[in-house]
Amino acid sequence: MVASTGADRATAAAAAIRHHYDVGNDFYRLWLDPTLSYSCALREHPDDTLEIAQQRKLRYHLDAIDAYRADAVLDIGCGWGAILRELSQRHRVDRSVGLTLSPEQADYVRAQELAGVEVRTENWLHYEPDTRFDGIVSIGAFEHFARPDDSDAAKIRVYRDFFARCRDWLTDSGTLSLQTIAYANMSREQASSFIQQEIFPDADLPTPAQILAAAEGIFEIRSMSNGRSDYAWTCAQWAARLRENRTRATELVGAETVDRYRRYLAQSALGFRMGKIALYRIVLQPYTGKYFADRAGQPR
């Protein structure tokens, strides 16, 4: 097997993201909540609406990085800018940077002209900040970092590179708040070929063991929780909203695309309910002092 270079990986990731996220903002607006949060919500009460649960999810990550006290925050995989909007309008953070691989998402965020916000169509592999951040948020991006042909060791190397970069980009007292889907009671070989090939091509989920191995010596895990039932509910909410708006959705993207997304949301909801896939919310703080590991796992 020929190892992927960083350039190959970045190019493939950008193409895969455009395949999925550049279907059209108007299409996603039909079935996401008003914040356009395309990631697992945080449900606490039976009568929660999708919008309330998504706002709670945003608060969870912003509280994790202590956004009220932050001067600079990085959002890796910023989507349509829900976190960036909160940082600018609610928390009045002086500088917030969002990274996305989707030109449509970047244009959407820029059009809002949010104070203190910069959005970049750039892979984290290429990003070179000119300042350190008090907090980093990454929601729903981590599961796109590895490729289907990566070995277990190769995946850990990619994730470790990500953690090491985040460690270097954070202040010593900074925090990384991470949210990612992961394999649970299912192997890569047992995963849906439909989702792998038609929905999220050229991406592969992590396992909890790979995440922990990659973070070892770089970050201390302060908390880790599994919200798979939240994601089953979120996918069901999205599917219901898409079903209610099927006529308009078909006008926008065609019946084949609408049916593909409905199938994907139904399969995902089932996978989370059955425990085949999980949704981890992980809060990490960098190790400091004389001993912490570099990207290759060596103490420095």
Protein backbone atom coordinates (compact mmCIF):
# COMPACT_ATOMS: atom_id res chain seq x y z
CA MET A 1 0.00 0.00 0.00
CA VAL A 2 1.33 3.44 -0.97
CA ALA A 3 1.14 5.93 1.87
CA SER A 4 -0.84 9.10 1.22
CA THR A 5 1.03 12.37 1.28
CA GLY A 6 -0.32 15.39 3.12
CA ALA A 7 -1.12 17.03 -0.22
CA ASP A 8 -2.98 13.93 -1.47
CA ARG A 9 -4.94 13.75 1.77
CA ALA A 10 -5.88 17.44 1.69
CA THR A 11 -6.95 17.26 -1.97
CA ALA A 12 -9.10 14.20 -1.37
CA ALA A 13 -10.66 15.72 1.73
CA ALA A 14 -11.57 18.92 -0.10
CA ALA A 15 -13.21 16.99 -2.94
CA ALA A 16 -15.17 14.83 -0.50
CA ILE A 17 -16.41 17.84 1.47
CA ARG A 18 -17.51 19.66 -1.68
CA HIS A 19 -19.34 16.51 -2.80
CA HIS A 20 -21.45 16.53 0.33
CA TYR A 21 -21.73 20.11 1.59
CA ASP A 22 -21.95 22.06 -1.66
CA VAL A 23 -25.27 20.50 -2.65
CA GLY A 24 -26.71 23.93 -1.90
CA ASN A 25 -27.37 26.10 1.13
CA ASP A 26 -31.08 26.40 0.30
CA PHE A 27 -31.43 22.61 0.38
CA TYR A 28 -29.88 22.31 3.85
CA ARG A 29 -31.93 25.25 5.10
CA LEU A 30 -35.09 23.21 4.49
CA TRP A 31 -34.28 20.56 7.10
CA LEU A 32 -31.63 21.91 9.46
CA ASP A 33 -32.49 24.27 12.32
CA PRO A 34 -32.16 28.06 11.83
CA THR A 35 -28.50 28.02 12.98
CA LEU A 36 -27.70 25.54 10.15
CA SER A 37 -25.98 23.26 12.65
CA TYR A 38 -25.23 20.07 10.74
CA SER A 39 -24.05 17.98 13.69
CA CYS A 40 -25.50 16.18 16.69
CA ALA A 41 -27.73 18.28 18.93
CA LEU A 42 -27.75 18.01 22.72
CA ARG A 43 -31.18 16.93 23.92
CA GLU A 44 -32.09 17.05 27.61
CA HIS A 45 -35.89 17.12 27.72
CA PRO A 46 -38.57 15.16 25.82
CA ASP A 47 -40.18 18.37 24.57
CA ASP A 48 -36.96 19.92 23.23
CA THR A 49 -37.22 21.30 19.72
CA LEU A 50 -34.35 20.79 17.30
CA GLU A 51 -33.41 24.46 17.58
CA ILE A 52 -33.31 24.37 21.41
CA ALA A 53 -31.19 21.20 21.39
CA GLN A 54 -28.79 22.67 18.83
CA GLN A 55 -28.40 25.87 20.83
CA ARG A 56 -27.62 23.75 23.91
CA LYS A 57 -24.93 21.91 21.91
CA LEU A 58 -23.34 25.22 20.92
CA ARG A 59 -23.36 26.39 24.55
CA TYR A 60 -21.76 23.11 25.66
CA HIS A 61 -18.72 23.63 23.45
CA LEU A 62 -18.46 27.35 24.14
CA ASP A 63 -18.65 26.76 27.88
CA ALA A 64 -16.00 24.03 27.56
CA ILE A 65 -13.49 26.52 26.16
CA ASP A 66 -14.62 29.30 28.53
CA ALA A 67 -15.57 31.51 25.59
CA TYR A 68 -16.60 34.44 27.81
CA ARG A 69 -12.96 34.91 28.79
CA ALA A 70 -11.41 34.16 25.40
CA ASP A 71 -9.63 36.69 23.22
CA ALA A 72 -9.04 34.34 20.26
CA VAL A 73 -10.82 31.11 19.23
CA LEU A 74 -10.33 28.70 16.32
CA ASP A 75 -13.19 26.64 14.86
CA ILE A 76 -11.91 23.72 12.77
CA GLY A 77 -14.71 22.62 10.46
CA CYS A 78 -16.85 25.71 11.05
CA GLY A 79 -19.71 24.74 8.74
CA TRP A 80 -22.17 27.57 8.22
CA GLY A 81 -20.75 29.49 11.16
CA ALA A 82 -23.02 28.74 14.13
CA ILE A 83 -20.12 28.75 16.62
CA LEU A 84 -18.52 31.78 14.96
CA ARG A 85 -21.80 33.68 15.19
CA GLU A 86 -22.08 32.96 18.92
CA LEU A 87 -18.45 33.98 19.48
CA SER A 88 -19.01 37.28 17.72
CA GLN A 89 -22.50 38.26 18.83
CA ARG A 90 -22.89 36.70 22.28
CA HIS A 91 -19.36 36.38 23.62
CA ARG A 92 -17.79 39.41 21.86
CA VAL A 93 -14.56 37.51 21.22
CA ASP A 94 -11.98 39.81 19.63
CA ARG A 95 -10.82 37.30 17.01
CA SER A 96 -12.42 34.09 15.76
CA VAL A 97 -11.10 32.04 12.87
CA GLY A 98 -13.13 29.38 11.08
CA LEU A 99 -11.71 26.71 8.76
CA THR A 100 -13.88 24.96 6.18
CA LEU A 101 -13.28 23.08 2.94
CA SER A 102 -16.64 24.12 1.49
CA PRO A 103 -16.65 27.32 -0.62
CA GLU A 104 -20.42 27.61 -0.23
CA GLN A 105 -20.15 27.51 3.55
CA ALA A 106 -17.31 30.05 3.55
CA ASP A 107 -19.28 32.44 1.34
CA TYR A 108 -22.31 32.09 3.61
CA VAL A 109 -20.29 32.99 6.71
CA ARG A 110 -18.51 35.92 5.04
CA ALA A 111 -21.82 37.37 3.87
CA GLN A 112 -22.90 37.76 7.50
CA GLU A 113 -20.02 40.22 8.13
CA LEU A 114 -19.58 39.05 11.72
CA ALA A 115 -17.38 41.32 13.82
CA GLY A 116 -13.98 39.81 14.57
CA VAL A 117 -14.60 36.72 12.40
CA GLU A 118 -12.31 35.42 9.67
CA VAL A 119 -13.29 32.35 7.67
CA ARG A 120 -10.77 30.48 5.56
CA THR A 121 -11.34 27.80 2.91
CA GLU A 122 -8.34 25.85 4.13
CA ASN A 123 -7.40 22.42 5.46
CA TRP A 124 -6.01 22.27 9.00
CA LEU A 125 -2.99 20.50 7.48
CA HIS A 126 -2.06 23.75 5.72
CA TYR A 127 -3.12 26.27 8.34
CA GLU A 128 -0.37 28.35 9.94
CA PRO A 129 -1.81 30.77 12.52
CA ASP A 130 0.01 33.93 13.49
CA THR A 131 -1.30 33.84 17.04
CA ARG A 132 -2.19 31.30 19.72
CA PHE A 133 -5.76 30.61 20.70
CA ASP A 134 -7.50 30.45 24.07
CA GLY A 135 -9.84 27.78 22.75
CA ILE A 136 -10.33 25.48 19.78
CA VAL A 137 -13.66 23.95 18.83
CA SER A 138 -13.99 21.16 16.26
CA ILE A 139 -17.45 19.70 15.66
CA GLY A 140 -18.03 17.04 13.04
CA ALA A 141 -14.68 17.43 11.25
CA PHE A 142 -12.52 14.76 12.93
CA GLU A 143 -14.39 11.93 11.21
CA HIS A 144 -13.21 13.26 7.82
CA PHE A 145 -9.48 13.23 8.61
CA ALA A 146 -8.70 9.55 7.87
CA ARG A 147 -9.17 7.73 4.58
CA PRO A 148 -10.69 4.28 3.97
CA ASP A 149 -7.35 2.77 2.92
CA ASP A 150 -5.51 3.98 6.04
CA SER A 151 -4.17 1.34 8.39
CA ASP A 152 -4.82 1.61 12.11
CA ALA A 153 -1.32 3.05 12.60
CA ALA A 154 -1.79 5.53 9.74
CA LYS A 155 -5.05 6.80 11.22
CA ILE A 156 -3.42 7.31 14.62
CA ARG A 157 -0.59 9.27 12.96
CA VAL A 158 -3.08 11.59 11.27
CA TYR A 159 -5.05 12.13 14.48
CA ARG A 160 -1.83 12.64 16.46
CA ASP A 161 -0.69 15.27 13.96
CA PHE A 162 -4.01 17.05 14.47
CA PHE A 163 -3.72 16.95 18.26
CA ALA A 164 -0.10 18.11 18.19
CA ARG A 165 -0.96 21.05 15.97
CA CYS A 166 -3.88 22.00 18.22
CA ARG A 167 -1.54 21.77 21.22
CA ASP A 168 0.91 24.14 19.53
CA TRP A 169 -1.88 26.53 18.53
CA LEU A 170 -3.34 26.76 22.04
CA THR A 171 -2.16 28.82 24.96
CA ASP A 172 -0.98 26.74 27.92
CA SER A 173 -4.31 27.31 29.63
CA GLY A 174 -6.37 26.75 26.47
CA THR A 175 -8.93 24.03 25.82
CA LEU A 176 -9.92 21.89 22.83
CA SER A 177 -13.57 20.86 22.62
CA LEU A 178 -14.03 18.04 20.12
CA GLN A 179 -17.15 16.32 18.81
CA THR A 180 -16.91 13.34 16.48
CA ILE A 181 -18.75 10.26 15.28
CA ALA A 182 -16.83 7.04 15.91
CA TYR A 183 -17.13 3.32 15.32
CA ALA A 184 -18.65 1.52 18.30
CA ASN A 185 -19.99 -2.04 18.03
CA MET A 186 -19.07 -2.24 14.36
CA SER A 187 -15.90 -2.49 12.27
CA ARG A 188 -15.07 -0.49 9.17
CA GLU A 189 -15.76 -3.60 7.07
CA GLN A 190 -19.29 -3.82 8.51
CA ALA A 191 -20.14 -0.18 7.78
CA SER A 192 -22.71 0.83 5.17
CA SER A 193 -21.10 0.90 1.71
CA PHE A 194 -23.87 3.27 0.62
CA ILE A 195 -22.85 5.92 3.19
CA GLN A 196 -19.15 5.31 2.61
CA GLN A 197 -19.37 5.66 -1.17
CA GLU A 198 -22.27 7.99 -1.88
CA ILE A 199 -22.55 10.25 1.18
CA PHE A 200 -19.08 10.64 2.71
CA PRO A 201 -16.62 9.36 0.10
CA ASP A 202 -12.95 9.07 1.00
CA ALA A 203 -13.55 9.34 4.76
CA ASP A 204 -13.35 6.86 7.61
CA LEU A 205 -14.49 7.06 11.22
CA PRO A 206 -12.11 6.83 14.18
CA THR A 207 -12.42 4.37 17.03
CA PRO A 208 -12.25 5.47 20.67
CA ALA A 209 -8.96 3.59 21.07
CA GLN A 210 -7.42 5.47 18.14
CA ILE A 211 -8.50 8.82 19.57
CA LEU A 212 -7.05 8.03 22.99
CA ALA A 213 -3.79 6.71 21.52
CA ALA A 214 -3.40 9.79 19.34
CA ALA A 215 -3.97 12.21 22.24
CA GLU A 216 -1.70 10.41 24.70
CA GLY A 217 1.08 12.61 26.01
CA ILE A 218 -0.28 15.67 24.17
CA PHE A 219 -3.65 16.31 25.78
CA GLU A 220 -5.25 15.41 29.06
CA ILE A 221 -8.83 14.27 28.55
CA ARG A 222 -10.95 16.18 31.04
CA SER A 223 -14.28 14.69 29.99
CA MET A 224 -15.64 12.28 27.41
CA SER A 225 -19.27 11.38 26.85
CA ASN A 226 -21.24 9.37 24.33
CA GLY A 227 -24.31 11.11 22.89
CA ARG A 228 -25.37 8.44 20.41
CA SER A 229 -29.03 8.61 21.49
CA ASP A 230 -28.92 12.36 20.88
CA TYR A 231 -27.68 11.75 17.36
CA ALA A 232 -30.33 9.12 16.63
CA TRP A 233 -32.92 11.73 17.65
CA THR A 234 -31.21 14.50 15.65
CA CYS A 235 -31.12 12.38 12.47
CA ALA A 236 -34.79 11.50 12.94
CA GLN A 237 -35.63 15.19 13.30
CA TRP A 238 -33.73 16.03 10.12
CA ALA A 239 -35.40 13.18 8.22
CA ALA A 240 -38.86 14.34 9.31
CA ARG A 241 -38.16 17.92 8.24
CA LEU A 242 -36.81 16.77 4.89
CA ARG A 243 -39.89 14.60 4.39
CA GLU A 244 -42.15 17.57 5.17
CA ASN A 245 -40.28 19.71 2.63
CA ARG A 246 -39.80 17.03 -0.01
CA THR A 247 -41.54 18.94 -2.81
CA ARG A 248 -39.36 22.04 -2.43
CA ALA A 249 -36.23 19.94 -1.86
CA THR A 250 -36.91 18.03 -5.09
CA GLU A 251 -37.25 21.31 -6.97
CA LEU A 252 -33.84 22.38 -5.64
CA VAL A 253 -31.70 19.25 -6.00
CA GLY A 254 -33.79 16.58 -7.73
CA ALA A 255 -35.62 13.50 -6.49
CA GLU A 256 -32.53 11.26 -6.61
CA THR A 257 -30.55 13.49 -4.24
CA VAL A 258 -33.50 13.86 -1.86
CA ASP A 259 -33.99 10.07 -1.72
CA ARG A 260 -30.26 9.58 -1.13
CA TYR A 261 -30.29 11.93 1.86
CA ARG A 262 -33.45 10.40 3.32
CA ARG A 263 -31.86 6.95 3.09
CA TYR A 264 -28.64 8.21 4.67
CA LEU A 265 -30.45 9.88 7.59
CA ALA A 266 -32.57 6.79 8.24
CA GLN A 267 -29.52 4.48 8.21
CA SER A 268 -27.58 6.83 10.47
CA ALA A 269 -30.40 7.07 13.02
CA LEU A 270 -30.62 3.27 13.10
CA GLY A 271 -26.86 2.90 13.52
CA PHE A 272 -26.82 5.23 16.52
CA ARG A 273 -29.85 3.56 18.11
CA MET A 274 -28.26 0.11 17.75
CA GLY A 275 -24.93 1.26 19.16
CA LYS A 276 -23.03 0.47 15.97
CA ILE A 277 -21.73 4.06 15.85
CA ALA A 278 -21.21 6.54 18.67
CA LEU A 279 -21.03 10.30 19.11
CA TYR A 280 -18.24 11.48 21.39
CA ARG A 281 -17.97 14.89 23.00
CA ILE A 282 -14.43 15.23 24.34
CA VAL A 283 -12.92 18.13 26.27
CA LEU A 284 -9.11 18.18 26.28
CA GLN A 285 -6.48 20.40 27.84
CA PRO A 286 -2.81 20.44 26.82
CA TYR A 287 -0.11 18.91 28.94
CA THR A 288 2.43 21.53 29.93
CA GLY A 289 5.79 21.60 31.65
CA LYS A 290 8.91 19.68 30.78
CA TYR A 291 7.21 16.50 29.61
CA PHE A 292 4.72 16.29 26.83
CA ALA A 293 4.90 14.41 23.55
CA ASP A 294 5.56 15.67 20.06
CA ARG A 295 3.77 14.46 16.91
CA ALA A 296 5.93 11.35 16.71
CA GLY A 297 5.14 10.44 20.31
CA GLN A 298 8.53 11.42 21.71
CA PRO A 299 8.80 13.45 24.95
CA ARG A 300 10.13 16.95 24.57
